Amino acid sequence: MNPSIALLTDTLATFLQIYTVLLIIRILLSWFPTISWSDPPFSLLSQLTDPYLNLFRSIIPPLGGMDFSPILAIFLLQFLTGIFSSLQQGSTYGF
């Protein structure tokens, strides 16, 4: 595989892993009702993750106060990360 394509797939896989961690942090912090999402560290996290989560919230609306859309959002990110990682590993082994 071309070295620039290998670098791109590795970079995308790393970005998706970092974004998944940010989503998990956002989800865990949503369990604390006293957090003000307008404060600087939380507003940045909200601005980074909410547009992606809102895509899935439009597909799966909250059911009885429980929002299951992040499960689908994280599943998709993990699936894409696996694809990019396997492309990177395939180039390492000469496939």
N, C-alpha and C. Protein backbone atom coordinates (compact mmCIF):
# COMPACT_ATOMS: atom_id res chain seq x y z
N MET A 1 0.85 -1.18 0.00
CA MET A 1 0.00 0.00 0.00
C MET A 1 0.89 1.23 0.00
N ASN A 2 0.42 2.22 -0.67
CA ASN A 2 1.11 3.50 -0.74
C ASN A 2 1.34 4.05 0.68
N PRO A 3 2.55 4.54 0.99
CA PRO A 3 2.81 5.06 2.35
C PRO A 3 1.89 6.21 2.75
N SER A 4 1.49 7.05 1.80
CA SER A 4 0.60 8.16 2.16
C SER A 4 -0.80 7.64 2.50
N ILE A 5 -1.25 6.59 1.82
CA ILE A 5 -2.56 6.00 2.14
C ILE A 5 -2.49 5.30 3.49
N ALA A 6 -1.37 4.64 3.76
CA ALA A 6 -1.19 3.98 5.06
C ALA A 6 -1.20 5.00 6.18
N LEU A 7 -0.55 6.14 5.96
CA LEU A 7 -0.55 7.21 6.96
C LEU A 7 -1.96 7.75 7.17
N LEU A 8 -2.70 7.90 6.08
CA LEU A 8 -4.07 8.40 6.18
C LEU A 8 -4.97 7.45 6.96
N THR A 9 -4.89 6.15 6.67
CA THR A 9 -5.73 5.19 7.38
C THR A 9 -5.35 5.11 8.85
N ASP A 10 -4.06 5.19 9.14
CA ASP A 10 -3.62 5.17 10.54
C ASP A 10 -4.09 6.41 11.28
N THR A 11 -4.01 7.56 10.62
CA THR A 11 -4.46 8.82 11.23
C THR A 11 -5.97 8.80 11.47
N LEU A 12 -6.73 8.30 10.51
CA LEU A 12 -8.18 8.23 10.68
C LEU A 12 -8.56 7.27 11.81
N ALA A 13 -7.88 6.13 11.89
CA ALA A 13 -8.17 5.18 12.97
C ALA A 13 -7.87 5.80 14.33
N THR A 14 -6.76 6.52 14.44
CA THR A 14 -6.40 7.18 15.70
C THR A 14 -7.40 8.27 16.05
N PHE A 15 -7.80 9.07 15.06
CA PHE A 15 -8.79 10.11 15.30
C PHE A 15 -10.10 9.52 15.80
N LEU A 16 -10.55 8.44 15.17
CA LEU A 16 -11.81 7.82 15.59
C LEU A 16 -11.72 7.25 17.00
N GLN A 17 -10.57 6.73 17.37
CA GLN A 17 -10.39 6.23 18.74
C GLN A 17 -10.47 7.38 19.75
N ILE A 18 -9.82 8.49 19.44
CA ILE A 18 -9.86 9.66 20.33
C ILE A 18 -11.28 10.20 20.41
N TYR A 19 -11.98 10.28 19.28
CA TYR A 19 -13.35 10.79 19.28
C TYR A 19 -14.28 9.87 20.07
N THR A 20 -14.04 8.57 20.01
CA THR A 20 -14.83 7.62 20.80
C THR A 20 -14.64 7.87 22.28
N VAL A 21 -13.42 8.14 22.70
CA VAL A 21 -13.16 8.45 24.12
C VAL A 21 -13.87 9.74 24.51
N LEU A 22 -13.85 10.74 23.64
CA LEU A 22 -14.57 11.99 23.93
C LEU A 22 -16.07 11.74 24.07
N LEU A 23 -16.63 10.88 23.22
CA LEU A 23 -18.05 10.55 23.32
C LEU A 23 -18.36 9.85 24.64
N ILE A 24 -17.52 8.94 25.04
CA ILE A 24 -17.74 8.23 26.30
C ILE A 24 -17.68 9.19 27.48
N ILE A 25 -16.72 10.11 27.45
CA ILE A 25 -16.63 11.12 28.51
C ILE A 25 -17.90 11.97 28.53
N ARG A 26 -18.37 12.38 27.35
CA ARG A 26 -19.59 13.19 27.26
C ARG A 26 -20.80 12.44 27.82
N ILE A 27 -20.88 11.16 27.50
CA ILE A 27 -22.00 10.35 27.98
C ILE A 27 -21.94 10.19 29.49
N LEU A 28 -20.77 9.92 30.02
CA LEU A 28 -20.63 9.76 31.47
C LEU A 28 -20.93 11.05 32.21
N LEU A 29 -20.50 12.18 31.65
CA LEU A 29 -20.77 13.46 32.31
C LEU A 29 -22.25 13.84 32.26
N SER A 30 -22.98 13.29 31.31
CA SER A 30 -24.41 13.61 31.23
C SER A 30 -25.18 13.01 32.41
N TRP A 31 -24.58 12.11 33.14
CA TRP A 31 -25.23 11.52 34.31
C TRP A 31 -25.22 12.47 35.52
N PHE A 32 -24.45 13.56 35.41
CA PHE A 32 -24.37 14.52 36.51
C PHE A 32 -25.18 15.76 36.14
N PRO A 33 -26.37 15.91 36.72
CA PRO A 33 -27.26 17.01 36.31
C PRO A 33 -26.75 18.40 36.71
N THR A 34 -25.78 18.48 37.61
CA THR A 34 -25.32 19.79 38.07
C THR A 34 -24.26 20.40 37.15
N ILE A 35 -23.82 19.66 36.14
CA ILE A 35 -22.81 20.19 35.23
C ILE A 35 -23.45 21.24 34.33
N SER A 36 -22.79 22.38 34.24
CA SER A 36 -23.26 23.44 33.36
C SER A 36 -22.54 23.30 32.02
N TRP A 37 -23.27 22.97 30.98
CA TRP A 37 -22.67 22.74 29.67
C TRP A 37 -22.26 24.03 28.98
N SER A 38 -22.48 25.17 29.65
CA SER A 38 -22.02 26.44 29.08
C SER A 38 -20.65 26.84 29.63
N ASP A 39 -20.15 26.12 30.63
CA ASP A 39 -18.81 26.39 31.16
C ASP A 39 -17.76 25.92 30.15
N PRO A 40 -16.61 26.62 30.11
CA PRO A 40 -15.61 26.36 29.06
C PRO A 40 -15.19 24.91 28.82
N PRO A 41 -14.78 24.13 29.77
CA PRO A 41 -14.34 22.79 29.36
C PRO A 41 -15.50 21.91 28.87
N PHE A 42 -16.67 22.10 29.46
CA PHE A 42 -17.81 21.28 29.08
C PHE A 42 -18.44 21.75 27.78
N SER A 43 -18.42 23.05 27.54
CA SER A 43 -19.00 23.56 26.30
C SER A 43 -18.20 23.10 25.09
N LEU A 44 -16.89 23.02 25.23
CA LEU A 44 -16.06 22.53 24.13
C LEU A 44 -16.38 21.07 23.83
N LEU A 45 -16.49 20.28 24.87
CA LEU A 45 -16.83 18.87 24.70
C LEU A 45 -18.20 18.72 24.06
N SER A 46 -19.13 19.52 24.49
CA SER A 46 -20.48 19.49 23.93
C SER A 46 -20.48 19.90 22.46
N GLN A 47 -19.73 20.93 22.12
CA GLN A 47 -19.67 21.39 20.73
C GLN A 47 -19.02 20.36 19.82
N LEU A 48 -18.10 19.58 20.35
CA LEU A 48 -17.42 18.56 19.55
C LEU A 48 -18.26 17.30 19.35
N THR A 49 -19.04 16.93 20.34
CA THR A 49 -19.72 15.64 20.30
C THR A 49 -21.21 15.71 19.96
N ASP A 50 -21.88 16.78 20.34
CA ASP A 50 -23.33 16.85 20.15
C ASP A 50 -23.78 16.79 18.69
N PRO A 51 -23.09 17.41 17.74
CA PRO A 51 -23.57 17.27 16.34
C PRO A 51 -23.60 15.81 15.88
N TYR A 52 -22.59 15.03 16.25
CA TYR A 52 -22.57 13.61 15.87
C TYR A 52 -23.66 12.84 16.61
N LEU A 53 -23.81 13.09 17.90
CA LEU A 53 -24.85 12.40 18.67
C LEU A 53 -26.25 12.78 18.19
N ASN A 54 -26.43 14.01 17.78
CA ASN A 54 -27.75 14.46 17.31
C ASN A 54 -28.19 13.74 16.04
N LEU A 55 -27.22 13.31 15.23
CA LEU A 55 -27.57 12.50 14.05
C LEU A 55 -28.30 11.23 14.48
N PHE A 56 -27.81 10.60 15.53
CA PHE A 56 -28.40 9.35 15.99
C PHE A 56 -29.63 9.59 16.85
N ARG A 57 -29.69 10.74 17.51
CA ARG A 57 -30.88 11.07 18.29
C ARG A 57 -32.08 11.30 17.38
N SER A 58 -31.82 11.73 16.15
CA SER A 58 -32.94 11.91 15.22
C SER A 58 -33.44 10.55 14.71
N ILE A 59 -32.59 9.53 14.76
CA ILE A 59 -33.00 8.18 14.34
C ILE A 59 -33.69 7.45 15.49
N ILE A 60 -33.06 7.51 16.67
CA ILE A 60 -33.58 6.82 17.86
C ILE A 60 -33.90 7.88 18.91
N PRO A 61 -35.14 8.28 19.05
CA PRO A 61 -35.47 9.29 20.06
C PRO A 61 -35.34 8.70 21.46
N PRO A 62 -35.12 9.55 22.48
CA PRO A 62 -35.05 9.04 23.86
C PRO A 62 -36.33 8.32 24.24
N LEU A 63 -36.18 7.16 24.82
CA LEU A 63 -37.32 6.34 25.23
C LEU A 63 -37.44 6.36 26.75
N GLY A 64 -38.46 6.99 27.25
CA GLY A 64 -38.69 7.03 28.69
C GLY A 64 -37.56 7.66 29.48
N GLY A 65 -36.93 8.67 28.92
CA GLY A 65 -35.83 9.33 29.62
C GLY A 65 -34.48 8.69 29.37
N MET A 66 -34.44 7.55 28.72
CA MET A 66 -33.18 6.87 28.41
C MET A 66 -32.83 7.11 26.94
N ASP A 67 -31.61 7.57 26.71
CA ASP A 67 -31.15 7.85 25.36
C ASP A 67 -30.22 6.72 24.92
N PHE A 68 -30.71 5.89 24.01
CA PHE A 68 -29.92 4.75 23.52
C PHE A 68 -29.14 5.08 22.26
N SER A 69 -29.29 6.28 21.73
CA SER A 69 -28.61 6.65 20.50
C SER A 69 -27.08 6.63 20.62
N PRO A 70 -26.48 6.95 21.78
CA PRO A 70 -25.02 6.87 21.87
C PRO A 70 -24.46 5.47 21.65
N ILE A 71 -25.26 4.46 21.95
CA ILE A 71 -24.80 3.08 21.72
C ILE A 71 -24.58 2.87 20.23
N LEU A 72 -25.53 3.30 19.42
CA LEU A 72 -25.40 3.17 17.98
C LEU A 72 -24.26 4.04 17.45
N ALA A 73 -24.12 5.24 18.01
CA ALA A 73 -23.05 6.15 17.59
C ALA A 73 -21.67 5.56 17.87
N ILE A 74 -21.50 4.98 19.05
CA ILE A 74 -20.21 4.39 19.40
C ILE A 74 -19.97 3.12 18.58
N PHE A 75 -21.02 2.34 18.35
CA PHE A 75 -20.88 1.14 17.53
C PHE A 75 -20.38 1.49 16.13
N LEU A 76 -20.94 2.52 15.53
CA LEU A 76 -20.51 2.93 14.20
C LEU A 76 -19.05 3.38 14.21
N LEU A 77 -18.66 4.15 15.21
CA LEU A 77 -17.26 4.59 15.31
C LEU A 77 -16.32 3.40 15.47
N GLN A 78 -16.70 2.43 16.30
CA GLN A 78 -15.87 1.25 16.49
C GLN A 78 -15.76 0.44 15.20
N PHE A 79 -16.85 0.35 14.47
CA PHE A 79 -16.85 -0.36 13.19
C PHE A 79 -15.89 0.31 12.20
N LEU A 80 -15.98 1.64 12.09
CA LEU A 80 -15.10 2.37 11.18
C LEU A 80 -13.64 2.29 11.63
N THR A 81 -13.40 2.37 12.94
CA THR A 81 -12.04 2.23 13.45
C THR A 81 -11.47 0.87 13.09
N GLY A 82 -12.28 -0.17 13.21
CA GLY A 82 -11.84 -1.52 12.84
C GLY A 82 -11.50 -1.62 11.37
N ILE A 83 -12.29 -0.97 10.53
CA ILE A 83 -12.01 -1.00 9.09
C ILE A 83 -10.67 -0.32 8.80
N PHE A 84 -10.46 0.88 9.35
CA PHE A 84 -9.21 1.58 9.09
C PHE A 84 -8.02 0.86 9.70
N SER A 85 -8.20 0.26 10.85
CA SER A 85 -7.11 -0.50 11.47
C SER A 85 -6.76 -1.73 10.64
N SER A 86 -7.78 -2.41 10.12
CA SER A 86 -7.50 -3.60 9.31
C SER A 86 -6.84 -3.21 8.00
N LEU A 87 -7.20 -2.07 7.43
CA LEU A 87 -6.51 -1.59 6.23
C LEU A 87 -5.05 -1.31 6.53
N GLN A 88 -4.81 -0.72 7.70
CA GLN A 88 -3.43 -0.41 8.09
C GLN A 88 -2.65 -1.70 8.33
N GLN A 89 -3.24 -2.67 9.00
CA GLN A 89 -2.56 -3.94 9.26
C GLN A 89 -2.36 -4.71 7.96
N GLY A 90 -3.30 -4.63 7.06
CA GLY A 90 -3.16 -5.29 5.78
C GLY A 90 -1.98 -4.75 4.99
N SER A 91 -1.75 -3.43 5.09
CA SER A 91 -0.60 -2.86 4.39
C SER A 91 0.70 -3.25 5.06
N THR A 92 0.66 -3.50 6.37
CA THR A 92 1.86 -3.92 7.08
C THR A 92 2.29 -5.31 6.65
N TYR A 93 1.33 -6.18 6.39
CA TYR A 93 1.63 -7.56 6.03
C TYR A 93 1.68 -7.78 4.52
N GLY A 94 1.55 -6.70 3.77
CA GLY A 94 1.69 -6.80 2.32
C GLY A 94 0.45 -7.26 1.58
N PHE A 95 -0.72 -7.14 2.17
CA PHE A 95 -1.96 -7.54 1.48
C PHE A 95 -2.46 -6.42 0.62
